[in-house]
């Protein structure tokens, strides 16, 4: 269970960008960023929700299961918001730098006006 759990709340994201609206665009970013960080993707699922009554847009929830644990992303284009969750196990090796690299890449891609990062060391 020893590991690093990073979360980020992004505000002021451009609701029109493909990452906010298109599951395939978000999937490509996540899978490529996981690989670039040196983490092992083992499965994934990305789902776009139907717009609420009277709404024009809806968000996406995406999950990449990692050999080291998981990445979860939730977009709210109607709010210009995104939440990110990266958790890596450090039992066999310290994957903390890889988790930070992944989180940094994802935060940069959304170009948010504000980012609130949280770090939890799990033991």
PDB file of N, CA and C in Angstrom:
ATOM      1  N   UNK A   1       0.810  -1.208   0.000  1.00  0.00           N
ATOM      2  CA  UNK A   1       0.000   0.000   0.000  1.00  0.00           C
ATOM      3  C   UNK A   1       0.846   1.262   0.000  1.00  0.00           C
ATOM      4  N   UNK A   2       2.121   1.151   0.285  1.00  0.00           N
ATOM      5  CA  UNK A   2       2.963   2.332   0.303  1.00  0.00           C
ATOM      6  C   UNK A   2       2.958   2.976  -1.074  1.00  0.00           C
ATOM      7  N   UNK A   3       2.703   4.283  -1.123  1.00  0.00           N
ATOM      8  CA  UNK A   3       2.669   4.936  -2.419  1.00  0.00           C
ATOM      9  C   UNK A   3       2.422   6.416  -2.327  1.00  0.00           C
ATOM     10  N   UNK A   4       2.246   7.007  -3.476  1.00  0.00           N
ATOM     11  CA  UNK A   4       2.004   8.440  -3.608  1.00  0.00           C
ATOM     12  C   UNK A   4       0.675   8.645  -4.323  1.00  0.00           C
ATOM     13  N   UNK A   5      -0.186   9.460  -3.727  1.00  0.00           N
ATOM     14  CA  UNK A   5      -1.499   9.759  -4.301  1.00  0.00           C
ATOM     15  C   UNK A   5      -1.557  11.263  -4.559  1.00  0.00           C
ATOM     16  N   UNK A   6      -1.663  11.635  -5.820  1.00  0.00           N
ATOM     17  CA  UNK A   6      -1.735  13.037  -6.224  1.00  0.00           C
ATOM     18  C   UNK A   6      -3.119  13.330  -6.773  1.00  0.00           C
ATOM     19  N   UNK A   7      -3.677  14.460  -6.382  1.00  0.00           N
ATOM     20  CA  UNK A   7      -4.934  14.916  -6.982  1.00  0.00           C
ATOM     21  C   UNK A   7      -4.765  16.370  -7.395  1.00  0.00           C
ATOM     22  N   UNK A   8      -5.549  16.781  -8.373  1.00  0.00           N
ATOM     23  CA  UNK A   8      -5.528  18.169  -8.820  1.00  0.00           C
ATOM     24  C   UNK A   8      -6.931  18.587  -9.223  1.00  0.00           C
ATOM     25  N   UNK A   9      -7.296  19.793  -8.826  1.00  0.00           N
ATOM     26  CA  UNK A   9      -8.554  20.412  -9.229  1.00  0.00           C
ATOM     27  C   UNK A   9      -8.189  21.580 -10.128  1.00  0.00           C
ATOM     28  N   UNK A  10      -8.617  21.517 -11.384  1.00  0.00           N
ATOM     29  CA  UNK A  10      -8.304  22.535 -12.371  1.00  0.00           C
ATOM     30  C   UNK A  10      -9.540  23.381 -12.626  1.00  0.00           C
ATOM     31  N   UNK A  11      -9.347  24.678 -12.669  1.00  0.00           N
ATOM     32  CA  UNK A  11     -10.444  25.628 -12.943  1.00  0.00           C
ATOM     33  C   UNK A  11     -10.026  26.540 -14.097  1.00  0.00           C
ATOM     34  N   UNK A  12     -11.003  27.029 -14.813  1.00  0.00           N
ATOM     35  CA  UNK A  12     -10.723  27.949 -15.905  1.00  0.00           C
ATOM     36  C   UNK A  12     -10.163  27.259 -17.132  1.00  0.00           C
ATOM     37  N   UNK A  13     -10.591  26.032 -17.383  1.00  0.00           N
ATOM     38  CA  UNK A  13     -10.186  25.304 -18.592  1.00  0.00           C
ATOM     39  C   UNK A  13     -11.113  25.697 -19.742  1.00  0.00           C
ATOM     40  N   UNK A  14     -10.567  25.796 -20.931  1.00  0.00           N
ATOM     41  CA  UNK A  14     -11.368  26.131 -22.108  1.00  0.00           C
ATOM     42  C   UNK A  14     -12.326  24.977 -22.391  1.00  0.00           C
ATOM     43  N   UNK A  15     -13.602  25.231 -22.225  1.00  0.00           N
ATOM     44  CA  UNK A  15     -14.625  24.188 -22.376  1.00  0.00           C
ATOM     45  C   UNK A  15     -14.745  23.687 -23.816  1.00  0.00           C
ATOM     46  N   UNK A  16     -14.206  24.438 -24.776  1.00  0.00           N
ATOM     47  CA  UNK A  16     -14.322  24.046 -26.184  1.00  0.00           C
ATOM     48  C   UNK A  16     -13.185  23.147 -26.651  1.00  0.00           C
ATOM     49  N   UNK A  17     -12.146  22.998 -25.837  1.00  0.00           N
ATOM     50  CA  UNK A  17     -11.016  22.180 -26.281  1.00  0.00           C
ATOM     51  C   UNK A  17     -11.419  20.710 -26.341  1.00  0.00           C
ATOM     52  N   UNK A  18     -10.893  19.977 -27.317  1.00  0.00           N
ATOM     53  CA  UNK A  18     -11.263  18.573 -27.489  1.00  0.00           C
ATOM     54  C   UNK A  18     -11.063  17.717 -26.236  1.00  0.00           C
ATOM     55  N   UNK A  19     -10.070  18.017 -25.424  1.00  0.00           N
ATOM     56  CA  UNK A  19      -9.836  17.229 -24.208  1.00  0.00           C
ATOM     57  C   UNK A  19     -11.028  17.260 -23.260  1.00  0.00           C
ATOM     58  N   UNK A  20     -11.802  18.318 -23.329  1.00  0.00           N
ATOM     59  CA  UNK A  20     -12.957  18.453 -22.444  1.00  0.00           C
ATOM     60  C   UNK A  20     -14.189  17.736 -22.975  1.00  0.00           C
ATOM     61  N   UNK A  21     -14.231  17.505 -24.296  1.00  0.00           N
ATOM     62  CA  UNK A  21     -15.466  17.052 -24.939  1.00  0.00           C
ATOM     63  C   UNK A  21     -15.379  15.731 -25.690  1.00  0.00           C
ATOM     64  N   UNK A  22     -14.182  15.342 -26.099  1.00  0.00           N
ATOM     65  CA  UNK A  22     -14.037  14.176 -26.964  1.00  0.00           C
ATOM     66  C   UNK A  22     -13.287  13.055 -26.238  1.00  0.00           C
ATOM     67  N   UNK A  23     -13.969  11.960 -25.952  1.00  0.00           N
ATOM     68  CA  UNK A  23     -13.309  10.861 -25.245  1.00  0.00           C
ATOM     69  C   UNK A  23     -12.023  10.376 -25.911  1.00  0.00           C
ATOM     70  N   UNK A  24     -11.988  10.325 -27.226  1.00  0.00           N
ATOM     71  CA  UNK A  24     -10.782   9.835 -27.912  1.00  0.00           C
ATOM     72  C   UNK A  24      -9.600  10.790 -27.735  1.00  0.00           C
ATOM     73  N   UNK A  25      -9.869  12.095 -27.717  1.00  0.00           N
ATOM     74  CA  UNK A  25      -8.789  13.060 -27.497  1.00  0.00           C
ATOM     75  C   UNK A  25      -8.249  12.926 -26.072  1.00  0.00           C
ATOM     76  N   UNK A  26      -9.143  12.792 -25.103  1.00  0.00           N
ATOM     77  CA  UNK A  26      -8.723  12.635 -23.717  1.00  0.00           C
ATOM     78  C   UNK A  26      -7.990  11.311 -23.532  1.00  0.00           C
ATOM     79  N   UNK A  27      -8.495  10.254 -24.139  1.00  0.00           N
ATOM     80  CA  UNK A  27      -7.845   8.947 -24.062  1.00  0.00           C
ATOM     81  C   UNK A  27      -6.425   9.010 -24.614  1.00  0.00           C
ATOM     82  N   UNK A  28      -6.264   9.616 -25.779  1.00  0.00           N
ATOM     83  CA  UNK A  28      -4.930   9.706 -26.393  1.00  0.00           C
ATOM     84  C   UNK A  28      -3.955  10.442 -25.477  1.00  0.00           C
ATOM     85  N   UNK A  29      -4.393  11.566 -24.914  1.00  0.00           N
ATOM     86  CA  UNK A  29      -3.537  12.312 -23.989  1.00  0.00           C
ATOM     87  C   UNK A  29      -3.135  11.446 -22.801  1.00  0.00           C
ATOM     88  N   UNK A  30      -4.097  10.778 -22.203  1.00  0.00           N
ATOM     89  CA  UNK A  30      -3.827   9.984 -21.000  1.00  0.00           C
ATOM     90  C   UNK A  30      -2.890   8.822 -21.292  1.00  0.00           C
ATOM     91  N   UNK A  31      -3.175   8.066 -22.332  1.00  0.00           N
ATOM     92  CA  UNK A  31      -2.366   6.891 -22.656  1.00  0.00           C
ATOM     93  C   UNK A  31      -0.945   7.307 -23.033  1.00  0.00           C
ATOM     94  N   UNK A  32      -0.823   8.365 -23.833  1.00  0.00           N
ATOM     95  CA  UNK A  32       0.505   8.849 -24.226  1.00  0.00           C
ATOM     96  C   UNK A  32       1.275   9.393 -23.021  1.00  0.00           C
ATOM     97  N   UNK A  33       0.599  10.100 -22.135  1.00  0.00           N
ATOM     98  CA  UNK A  33       1.258  10.668 -20.959  1.00  0.00           C
ATOM     99  C   UNK A  33       1.695   9.581 -19.977  1.00  0.00           C
ATOM    100  N   UNK A  34       0.880   8.544 -19.828  1.00  0.00           N
ATOM    101  CA  UNK A  34       1.246   7.408 -18.975  1.00  0.00           C
ATOM    102  C   UNK A  34       2.525   6.762 -19.516  1.00  0.00           C
ATOM    103  N   UNK A  35       2.563   6.500 -20.817  1.00  0.00           N
ATOM    104  CA  UNK A  35       3.736   5.867 -21.425  1.00  0.00           C
ATOM    105  C   UNK A  35       4.968   6.771 -21.299  1.00  0.00           C
ATOM    106  N   UNK A  36       4.799   8.065 -21.547  1.00  0.00           N
ATOM    107  CA  UNK A  36       5.928   9.001 -21.461  1.00  0.00           C
ATOM    108  C   UNK A  36       6.498   9.073 -20.049  1.00  0.00           C
ATOM    109  N   UNK A  37       5.651   8.865 -19.059  1.00  0.00           N
ATOM    110  CA  UNK A  37       6.102   8.892 -17.661  1.00  0.00           C
ATOM    111  C   UNK A  37       6.764   7.577 -17.246  1.00  0.00           C
ATOM    112  N   UNK A  38       6.671   6.559 -18.098  1.00  0.00           N
ATOM    113  CA  UNK A  38       7.283   5.282 -17.781  1.00  0.00           C
ATOM    114  C   UNK A  38       6.425   4.380 -16.914  1.00  0.00           C
ATOM    115  N   UNK A  39       5.122   4.637 -16.903  1.00  0.00           N
ATOM    116  CA  UNK A  39       4.188   3.813 -16.137  1.00  0.00           C
ATOM    117  C   UNK A  39       3.533   2.797 -17.072  1.00  0.00           C
ATOM    118  N   UNK A  40       2.967   1.738 -16.514  1.00  0.00           N
ATOM    119  CA  UNK A  40       2.416   0.651 -17.313  1.00  0.00           C
ATOM    120  C   UNK A  40       0.911   0.618 -17.342  1.00  0.00           C
ATOM    121  N   UNK A  41       0.318   1.010 -18.463  1.00  0.00           N
ATOM    122  CA  UNK A  41      -1.141   0.927 -18.631  1.00  0.00           C
ATOM    123  C   UNK A  41      -1.529  -0.528 -18.868  1.00  0.00           C
ATOM    124  N   UNK A  42      -2.556  -0.988 -18.145  1.00  0.00           N
ATOM    125  CA  UNK A  42      -3.029  -2.362 -18.334  1.00  0.00           C
ATOM    126  C   UNK A  42      -4.467  -2.423 -18.848  1.00  0.00           C
ATOM    127  N   UNK A  43      -5.235  -1.339 -18.686  1.00  0.00           N
ATOM    128  CA  UNK A  43      -6.608  -1.279 -19.187  1.00  0.00           C
ATOM    129  C   UNK A  43      -7.070   0.174 -19.120  1.00  0.00           C
ATOM    130  N   UNK A  44      -8.159   0.466 -19.813  1.00  0.00           N
ATOM    131  CA  UNK A  44      -8.669   1.841 -19.813  1.00  0.00           C
ATOM    132  C   UNK A  44     -10.151   1.847 -20.154  1.00  0.00           C
ATOM    133  N   UNK A  45     -10.816   2.920 -19.742  1.00  0.00           N
ATOM    134  CA  UNK A  45     -12.211   3.139 -20.094  1.00  0.00           C
ATOM    135  C   UNK A  45     -12.467   4.634 -20.071  1.00  0.00           C
ATOM    136  N   UNK A  46     -13.071   5.157 -21.134  1.00  0.00           N
ATOM    137  CA  UNK A  46     -13.426   6.573 -21.229  1.00  0.00           C
ATOM    138  C   UNK A  46     -14.884   6.661 -21.645  1.00  0.00           C
ATOM    139  N   UNK A  47     -15.641   7.495 -20.948  1.00  0.00           N
ATOM    140  CA  UNK A  47     -17.083   7.586 -21.158  1.00  0.00           C
ATOM    141  C   UNK A  47     -17.510   9.053 -21.191  1.00  0.00           C
ATOM    142  N   UNK A  48     -18.240   9.441 -22.231  1.00  0.00           N
ATOM    143  CA  UNK A  48     -18.829  10.783 -22.294  1.00  0.00           C
ATOM    144  C   UNK A  48     -20.270  10.673 -21.855  1.00  0.00           C
ATOM    145  N   UNK A  49     -20.655  11.552 -20.943  1.00  0.00           N
ATOM    146  CA  UNK A  49     -22.013  11.554 -20.429  1.00  0.00           C
ATOM    147  C   UNK A  49     -22.946  12.294 -21.372  1.00  0.00           C
ATOM    148  N   UNK A  50     -24.213  11.895 -21.373  1.00  0.00           N
ATOM    149  CA  UNK A  50     -25.227  12.616 -22.143  1.00  0.00           C
ATOM    150  C   UNK A  50     -25.455  13.963 -21.468  1.00  0.00           C
ATOM    151  N   UNK A  51     -25.678  15.014 -22.264  1.00  0.00           N
ATOM    152  CA  UNK A  51     -25.943  16.329 -21.657  1.00  0.00           C
ATOM    153  C   UNK A  51     -27.194  16.298 -20.778  1.00  0.00           C
ATOM    154  N   UNK A  52     -27.143  17.047 -19.716  1.00  0.00           N
ATOM    155  CA  UNK A  52     -28.308  17.198 -18.842  1.00  0.00           C
ATOM    156  C   UNK A  52     -29.405  17.921 -19.624  1.00  0.00           C
ATOM    157  N   UNK A  53     -30.654  17.757 -19.236  1.00  0.00           N
ATOM    158  CA  UNK A  53     -31.742  18.450 -19.937  1.00  0.00           C
ATOM    159  C   UNK A  53     -31.457  19.953 -20.020  1.00  0.00           C
ATOM    160  N   UNK A  54     -31.531  20.475 -21.246  1.00  0.00           N
ATOM    161  CA  UNK A  54     -31.297  21.894 -21.464  1.00  0.00           C
ATOM    162  C   UNK A  54     -29.838  22.280 -21.613  1.00  0.00           C
ATOM    163  N   UNK A  55     -28.919  21.342 -21.392  1.00  0.00           N
ATOM    164  CA  UNK A  55     -27.484  21.633 -21.508  1.00  0.00           C
ATOM    165  C   UNK A  55     -26.988  21.257 -22.895  1.00  0.00           C
ATOM    166  N   UNK A  56     -25.975  21.968 -23.348  1.00  0.00           N
ATOM    167  CA  UNK A  56     -25.395  21.707 -24.658  1.00  0.00           C
ATOM    168  C   UNK A  56     -24.174  20.798 -24.574  1.00  0.00           C
ATOM    169  N   UNK A  57     -23.520  20.761 -23.419  1.00  0.00           N
ATOM    170  CA  UNK A  57     -22.277  20.023 -23.272  1.00  0.00           C
ATOM    171  C   UNK A  57     -22.380  19.036 -22.115  1.00  0.00           C
ATOM    172  N   UNK A  58     -21.482  18.062 -22.155  1.00  0.00           N
ATOM    173  CA  UNK A  58     -21.362  17.137 -21.030  1.00  0.00           C
ATOM    174  C   UNK A  58     -19.912  16.727 -20.901  1.00  0.00           C
ATOM    175  N   UNK A  59     -19.579  16.197 -19.764  1.00  0.00           N
ATOM    176  CA  UNK A  59     -18.194  15.854 -19.499  1.00  0.00           C
ATOM    177  C   UNK A  59     -17.856  14.406 -19.774  1.00  0.00           C
ATOM    178  N   UNK A  60     -16.593  14.095 -19.475  1.00  0.00           N
ATOM    179  CA  UNK A  60     -16.029  12.775 -19.702  1.00  0.00           C
ATOM    180  C   UNK A  60     -15.429  12.279 -18.396  1.00  0.00           C
ATOM    181  N   UNK A  61     -15.571  11.008 -18.145  1.00  0.00           N
ATOM    182  CA  UNK A  61     -14.828  10.334 -17.091  1.00  0.00           C
ATOM    183  C   UNK A  61     -13.935   9.314 -17.770  1.00  0.00           C
ATOM    184  N   UNK A  62     -12.671   9.329 -17.396  1.00  0.00           N
ATOM    185  CA  UNK A  62     -11.723   8.381 -17.960  1.00  0.00           C
ATOM    186  C   UNK A  62     -10.861   7.775 -16.881  1.00  0.00           C
ATOM    187  N   UNK A  63     -10.575   6.496 -17.047  1.00  0.00           N
ATOM    188  CA  UNK A  63      -9.725   5.776 -16.101  1.00  0.00           C
ATOM    189  C   UNK A  63      -8.716   4.953 -16.883  1.00  0.00           C
ATOM    190  N   UNK A  64      -7.461   5.035 -16.451  1.00  0.00           N
ATOM    191  CA  UNK A  64      -6.420   4.157 -16.969  1.00  0.00           C
ATOM    192  C   UNK A  64      -5.918   3.351 -15.780  1.00  0.00           C
ATOM    193  N   UNK A  65      -6.106   2.057 -15.834  1.00  0.00           N
ATOM    194  CA  UNK A  65      -5.564   1.179 -14.791  1.00  0.00           C
ATOM    195  C   UNK A  65      -4.087   0.992 -15.084  1.00  0.00           C
ATOM    196  N   UNK A  66      -3.286   1.175 -14.064  1.00  0.00           N
ATOM    197  CA  UNK A  66      -1.845   1.055 -14.204  1.00  0.00           C
ATOM    198  C   UNK A  66      -1.344  -0.188 -13.485  1.00  0.00           C
ATOM    199  N   UNK A  67      -0.274  -0.746 -13.952  1.00  0.00           N
ATOM    200  CA  UNK A  67       0.378  -1.816 -13.209  1.00  0.00           C
ATOM    201  C   UNK A  67       0.737  -1.299 -11.816  1.00  0.00           C
ATOM    202  N   UNK A  68       0.989   0.008 -11.732  1.00  0.00           N
ATOM    203  CA  UNK A  68       1.370   0.649 -10.472  1.00  0.00           C
ATOM    204  C   UNK A  68       0.166   1.149  -9.672  1.00  0.00           C
ATOM    205  N   UNK A  69      -1.002   1.307 -10.276  1.00  0.00           N
ATOM    206  CA  UNK A  69      -2.279   1.630  -9.641  1.00  0.00           C
ATOM    207  C   UNK A  69      -3.247   2.256 -10.633  1.00  0.00           C
ATOM    208  N   UNK A  70      -3.450   3.614 -10.622  1.00  0.00           N
ATOM    209  CA  UNK A  70      -4.459   4.177 -11.519  1.00  0.00           C
ATOM    210  C   UNK A  70      -4.280   5.661 -11.823  1.00  0.00           C
ATOM    211  N   UNK A  71      -4.938   6.076 -12.907  1.00  0.00           N
ATOM    212  CA  UNK A  71      -5.135   7.469 -13.290  1.00  0.00           C
ATOM    213  C   UNK A  71      -6.628   7.634 -13.534  1.00  0.00           C
ATOM    214  N   UNK A  72      -7.229   8.671 -12.952  1.00  0.00           N
ATOM    215  CA  UNK A  72      -8.638   8.980 -13.210  1.00  0.00           C
ATOM    216  C   UNK A  72      -8.753  10.454 -13.582  1.00  0.00           C
ATOM    217  N   UNK A  73      -9.591  10.740 -14.581  1.00  0.00           N
ATOM    218  CA  UNK A  73      -9.808  12.105 -15.063  1.00  0.00           C
ATOM    219  C   UNK A  73     -11.306  12.329 -15.205  1.00  0.00           C
ATOM    220  N   UNK A  74     -11.758  13.496 -14.761  1.00  0.00           N
ATOM    221  CA  UNK A  74     -13.167  13.868 -14.903  1.00  0.00           C
ATOM    222  C   UNK A  74     -13.216  15.292 -15.439  1.00  0.00           C
ATOM    223  N   UNK A  75     -13.931  15.507 -16.555  1.00  0.00           N
ATOM    224  CA  UNK A  75     -14.065  16.855 -17.112  1.00  0.00           C
ATOM    225  C   UNK A  75     -15.488  17.364 -16.911  1.00  0.00           C
ATOM    226  N   UNK A  76     -15.589  18.655 -16.644  1.00  0.00           N
ATOM    227  CA  UNK A  76     -16.867  19.355 -16.537  1.00  0.00           C
ATOM    228  C   UNK A  76     -16.797  20.589 -17.436  1.00  0.00           C
ATOM    229  N   UNK A  77     -17.058  20.422 -18.741  1.00  0.00           N
ATOM    230  CA  UNK A  77     -16.962  21.577 -19.638  1.00  0.00           C
ATOM    231  C   UNK A  77     -17.932  22.693 -19.254  1.00  0.00           C
ATOM    232  N   UNK A  78     -19.081  22.305 -18.715  1.00  0.00           N
ATOM    233  CA  UNK A  78     -20.061  23.326 -18.335  1.00  0.00           C
ATOM    234  C   UNK A  78     -19.555  24.199 -17.191  1.00  0.00           C
ATOM    235  N   UNK A  79     -18.547  23.720 -16.463  1.00  0.00           N
ATOM    236  CA  UNK A  79     -17.950  24.484 -15.362  1.00  0.00           C
ATOM    237  C   UNK A  79     -16.524  24.928 -15.664  1.00  0.00           C
ATOM    238  N   UNK A  80     -15.984  24.484 -16.794  1.00  0.00           N
ATOM    239  CA  UNK A  80     -14.587  24.778 -17.110  1.00  0.00           C
ATOM    240  C   UNK A  80     -13.640  24.107 -16.133  1.00  0.00           C
ATOM    241  N   UNK A  81     -14.042  22.941 -15.622  1.00  0.00           N
ATOM    242  CA  UNK A  81     -13.256  22.276 -14.591  1.00  0.00           C
ATOM    243  C   UNK A  81     -12.844  20.866 -14.953  1.00  0.00           C
ATOM    244  N   UNK A  82     -11.757  20.429 -14.311  1.00  0.00           N
ATOM    245  CA  UNK A  82     -11.233  19.080 -14.484  1.00  0.00           C
ATOM    246  C   UNK A  82     -10.703  18.619 -13.133  1.00  0.00           C
ATOM    247  N   UNK A  83     -10.918  17.348 -12.808  1.00  0.00           N
ATOM    248  CA  UNK A  83     -10.246  16.767 -11.650  1.00  0.00           C
ATOM    249  C   UNK A  83      -9.372  15.621 -12.137  1.00  0.00           C
ATOM    250  N   UNK A  84      -8.196  15.526 -11.523  1.00  0.00           N
ATOM    251  CA  UNK A  84      -7.213  14.509 -11.870  1.00  0.00           C
ATOM    252  C   UNK A  84      -6.836  13.737 -10.621  1.00  0.00           C
ATOM    253  N   UNK A  85      -6.595  12.460 -10.775  1.00  0.00           N
ATOM    254  CA  UNK A  85      -6.235  11.584  -9.662  1.00  0.00           C
ATOM    255  C   UNK A  85      -5.180  10.600 -10.169  1.00  0.00           C
ATOM    256  N   UNK A  86      -3.988  10.658  -9.591  1.00  0.00           N
ATOM    257  CA  UNK A  86      -2.904   9.745  -9.950  1.00  0.00           C
ATOM    258  C   UNK A  86      -2.432   9.064  -8.671  1.00  0.00           C
ATOM    259  N   UNK A  87      -2.493   7.747  -8.650  1.00  0.00           N
ATOM    260  CA  UNK A  87      -1.989   7.000  -7.499  1.00  0.00           C
ATOM    261  C   UNK A  87      -1.020   5.939  -8.006  1.00  0.00           C
ATOM    262  N   UNK A  88       0.153   5.895  -7.378  1.00  0.00           N
ATOM    263  CA  UNK A  88       1.129   4.871  -7.717  1.00  0.00           C
ATOM    264  C   UNK A  88       1.592   4.166  -6.448  1.00  0.00           C
ATOM    265  N   UNK A  89       1.753   2.868  -6.568  1.00  0.00           N
ATOM    266  CA  UNK A  89       2.304   2.054  -5.492  1.00  0.00           C
ATOM    267  C   UNK A  89       3.823   2.174  -5.552  1.00  0.00           C
ATOM    268  N   UNK A  90       4.444   2.240  -4.394  1.00  0.00           N
ATOM    269  CA  UNK A  90       5.902   2.310  -4.323  1.00  0.00           C
ATOM    270  C   UNK A  90       6.486   1.088  -3.634  1.00  0.00           C
ATOM    271  N   UNK A  91       5.784  -0.034  -3.681  1.00  0.00           N
ATOM    272  CA  UNK A  91       6.222  -1.224  -2.958  1.00  0.00           C
ATOM    273  C   UNK A  91       7.516  -1.808  -3.528  1.00  0.00           C
ATOM    274  N   UNK A  92       7.563  -2.069  -4.821  1.00  0.00           N
ATOM    275  CA  UNK A  92       8.749  -2.669  -5.429  1.00  0.00           C
ATOM    276  C   UNK A  92       9.786  -1.666  -5.871  1.00  0.00           C
ATOM    277  N   UNK A  93       9.327  -0.447  -6.167  1.00  0.00           N
ATOM    278  CA  UNK A  93      10.207   0.630  -6.622  1.00  0.00           C
ATOM    279  C   UNK A  93       9.510   1.951  -6.339  1.00  0.00           C
ATOM    280  N   UNK A  94      10.294   3.004  -6.226  1.00  0.00           N
ATOM    281  CA  UNK A  94       9.714   4.332  -5.984  1.00  0.00           C
ATOM    282  C   UNK A  94       9.266   4.935  -7.309  1.00  0.00           C
ATOM    283  N   UNK A  95       7.957   4.987  -7.503  1.00  0.00           N
ATOM    284  CA  UNK A  95       7.366   5.527  -8.731  1.00  0.00           C
ATOM    285  C   UNK A  95       6.914   6.977  -8.576  1.00  0.00           C
ATOM    286  N   UNK A  96       7.331   7.631  -7.507  1.00  0.00           N
ATOM    287  CA  UNK A  96       6.875   8.990  -7.213  1.00  0.00           C
ATOM    288  C   UNK A  96       7.210   9.977  -8.320  1.00  0.00           C
ATOM    289  N   UNK A  97       8.417   9.928  -8.841  1.00  0.00           N
ATOM    290  CA  UNK A  97       8.810  10.859  -9.911  1.00  0.00           C
ATOM    291  C   UNK A  97       7.962  10.639 -11.160  1.00  0.00           C
ATOM    292  N   UNK A  98       7.638   9.400 -11.450  1.00  0.00           N
ATOM    293  CA  UNK A  98       6.794   9.084 -12.608  1.00  0.00           C
ATOM    294  C   UNK A  98       5.387   9.640 -12.407  1.00  0.00           C
ATOM    295  N   UNK A  99       4.856   9.518 -11.192  1.00  0.00           N
ATOM    296  CA  UNK A  99       3.525  10.054 -10.895  1.00  0.00           C
ATOM    297  C   UNK A  99       3.519  11.576 -11.052  1.00  0.00           C
ATOM    298  N   UNK A 100       4.555  12.225 -10.550  1.00  0.00           N
ATOM    299  CA  UNK A 100       4.633  13.688 -10.669  1.00  0.00           C
ATOM    300  C   UNK A 100       4.759  14.125 -12.122  1.00  0.00           C
ATOM    301  N   UNK A 101       5.532  13.371 -12.904  1.00  0.00           N
ATOM    302  CA  UNK A 101       5.663  13.688 -14.330  1.00  0.00           C
ATOM    303  C   UNK A 101       4.315  13.559 -15.040  1.00  0.00           C
ATOM    304  N   UNK A 102       3.584  12.496 -14.732  1.00  0.00           N
ATOM    305  CA  UNK A 102       2.265  12.289 -15.333  1.00  0.00           C
ATOM    306  C   UNK A 102       1.318  13.419 -14.959  1.00  0.00           C
ATOM    307  N   UNK A 103       1.271  13.768 -13.681  1.00  0.00           N
ATOM    308  CA  UNK A 103       0.376  14.839 -13.242  1.00  0.00           C
ATOM    309  C   UNK A 103       0.751  16.162 -13.905  1.00  0.00           C
ATOM    310  N   UNK A 104       2.022  16.453 -13.982  1.00  0.00           N
ATOM    311  CA  UNK A 104       2.477  17.695 -14.603  1.00  0.00           C
ATOM    312  C   UNK A 104       2.058  17.775 -16.074  1.00  0.00           C
ATOM    313  N   UNK A 105       2.223  16.684 -16.793  1.00  0.00           N
ATOM    314  CA  UNK A 105       1.850  16.657 -18.213  1.00  0.00           C
ATOM    315  C   UNK A 105       0.356  16.884 -18.400  1.00  0.00           C
ATOM    316  N   UNK A 106      -0.444  16.243 -17.559  1.00  0.00           N
ATOM    317  CA  UNK A 106      -1.896  16.391 -17.679  1.00  0.00           C
ATOM    318  C   UNK A 106      -2.331  17.820 -17.338  1.00  0.00           C
ATOM    319  N   UNK A 107      -1.794  18.370 -16.267  1.00  0.00           N
ATOM    320  CA  UNK A 107      -2.145  19.743 -15.888  1.00  0.00           C
ATOM    321  C   UNK A 107      -1.783  20.716 -17.006  1.00  0.00           C
ATOM    322  N   UNK A 108      -0.611  20.554 -17.585  1.00  0.00           N
ATOM    323  CA  UNK A 108      -0.167  21.452 -18.662  1.00  0.00           C
ATOM    324  C   UNK A 108      -1.093  21.356 -19.874  1.00  0.00           C
ATOM    325  N   UNK A 109      -1.547  20.158 -20.195  1.00  0.00           N
ATOM    326  CA  UNK A 109      -2.381  19.959 -21.384  1.00  0.00           C
ATOM    327  C   UNK A 109      -3.703  20.711 -21.306  1.00  0.00           C
ATOM    328  N   UNK A 110      -4.259  20.854 -20.114  1.00  0.00           N
ATOM    329  CA  UNK A 110      -5.549  21.527 -19.975  1.00  0.00           C
ATOM    330  C   UNK A 110      -5.420  23.047 -19.900  1.00  0.00           C
ATOM    331  N   UNK A 111      -4.211  23.562 -19.672  1.00  0.00           N
ATOM    332  CA  UNK A 111      -3.951  25.007 -19.637  1.00  0.00           C
ATOM    333  C   UNK A 111      -4.975  25.737 -18.760  1.00  0.00           C
ATOM    334  N   UNK A 112      -5.145  25.260 -17.556  1.00  0.00           N
ATOM    335  CA  UNK A 112      -6.121  25.832 -16.626  1.00  0.00           C
ATOM    336  C   UNK A 112      -5.655  27.182 -16.100  1.00  0.00           C
ATOM    337  N   UNK A 113      -6.612  28.037 -15.753  1.00  0.00           N
ATOM    338  CA  UNK A 113      -6.289  29.318 -15.123  1.00  0.00           C
ATOM    339  C   UNK A 113      -5.780  29.117 -13.708  1.00  0.00           C
ATOM    340  N   UNK A 114      -6.290  28.077 -13.021  1.00  0.00           N
ATOM    341  CA  UNK A 114      -5.806  27.772 -11.671  1.00  0.00           C
ATOM    342  C   UNK A 114      -5.763  26.264 -11.457  1.00  0.00           C
ATOM    343  N   UNK A 115      -4.762  25.841 -10.675  1.00  0.00           N
ATOM    344  CA  UNK A 115      -4.565  24.431 -10.371  1.00  0.00           C
ATOM    345  C   UNK A 115      -4.340  24.306  -8.874  1.00  0.00           C
ATOM    346  N   UNK A 116      -5.138  23.460  -8.238  1.00  0.00           N
ATOM    347  CA  UNK A 116      -4.974  23.173  -6.818  1.00  0.00           C
ATOM    348  C   UNK A 116      -4.500  21.730  -6.696  1.00  0.00           C
ATOM    349  N   UNK A 117      -3.221  21.552  -6.358  1.00  0.00           N
ATOM    350  CA  UNK A 117      -2.630  20.223  -6.233  1.00  0.00           C
ATOM    351  C   UNK A 117      -2.646  19.749  -4.789  1.00  0.00           C
ATOM    352  N   UNK A 118      -2.880  18.458  -4.600  1.00  0.00           N
ATOM    353  CA  UNK A 118      -2.819  17.854  -3.279  1.00  0.00           C
ATOM    354  C   UNK A 118      -1.936  16.611  -3.356  1.00  0.00           C
ATOM    355  N   UNK A 119      -1.201  16.366  -2.278  1.00  0.00           N
ATOM    356  CA  UNK A 119      -0.306  15.217  -2.209  1.00  0.00           C
ATOM    357  C   UNK A 119      -0.596  14.436  -0.940  1.00  0.00           C
ATOM    358  N   UNK A 120      -0.748  13.134  -1.091  1.00  0.00           N
ATOM    359  CA  UNK A 120      -0.961  12.249   0.050  1.00  0.00           C
ATOM    360  C   UNK A 120       0.058  11.112  -0.053  1.00  0.00           C
ATOM    361  N   UNK A 121       0.852  10.965   0.990  1.00  0.00           N
ATOM    362  CA  UNK A 121       1.802   9.857   1.058  1.00  0.00           C
ATOM    363  C   UNK A 121       1.113   8.721   1.793  1.00  0.00           C
ATOM    364  N   UNK A 122       0.945   7.592   1.112  1.00  0.00           N
ATOM    365  CA  UNK A 122       0.245   6.460   1.701  1.00  0.00           C
ATOM    366  C   UNK A 122       1.261   5.460   2.237  1.00  0.00           C
ATOM    367  N   UNK A 123       0.951   4.906   3.392  1.00  0.00           N
ATOM    368  CA  UNK A 123       1.911   3.980   4.000  1.00  0.00           C
ATOM    369  C   UNK A 123       1.278   2.659   4.389  1.00  0.00           C
TER     370      UNK A 123
END
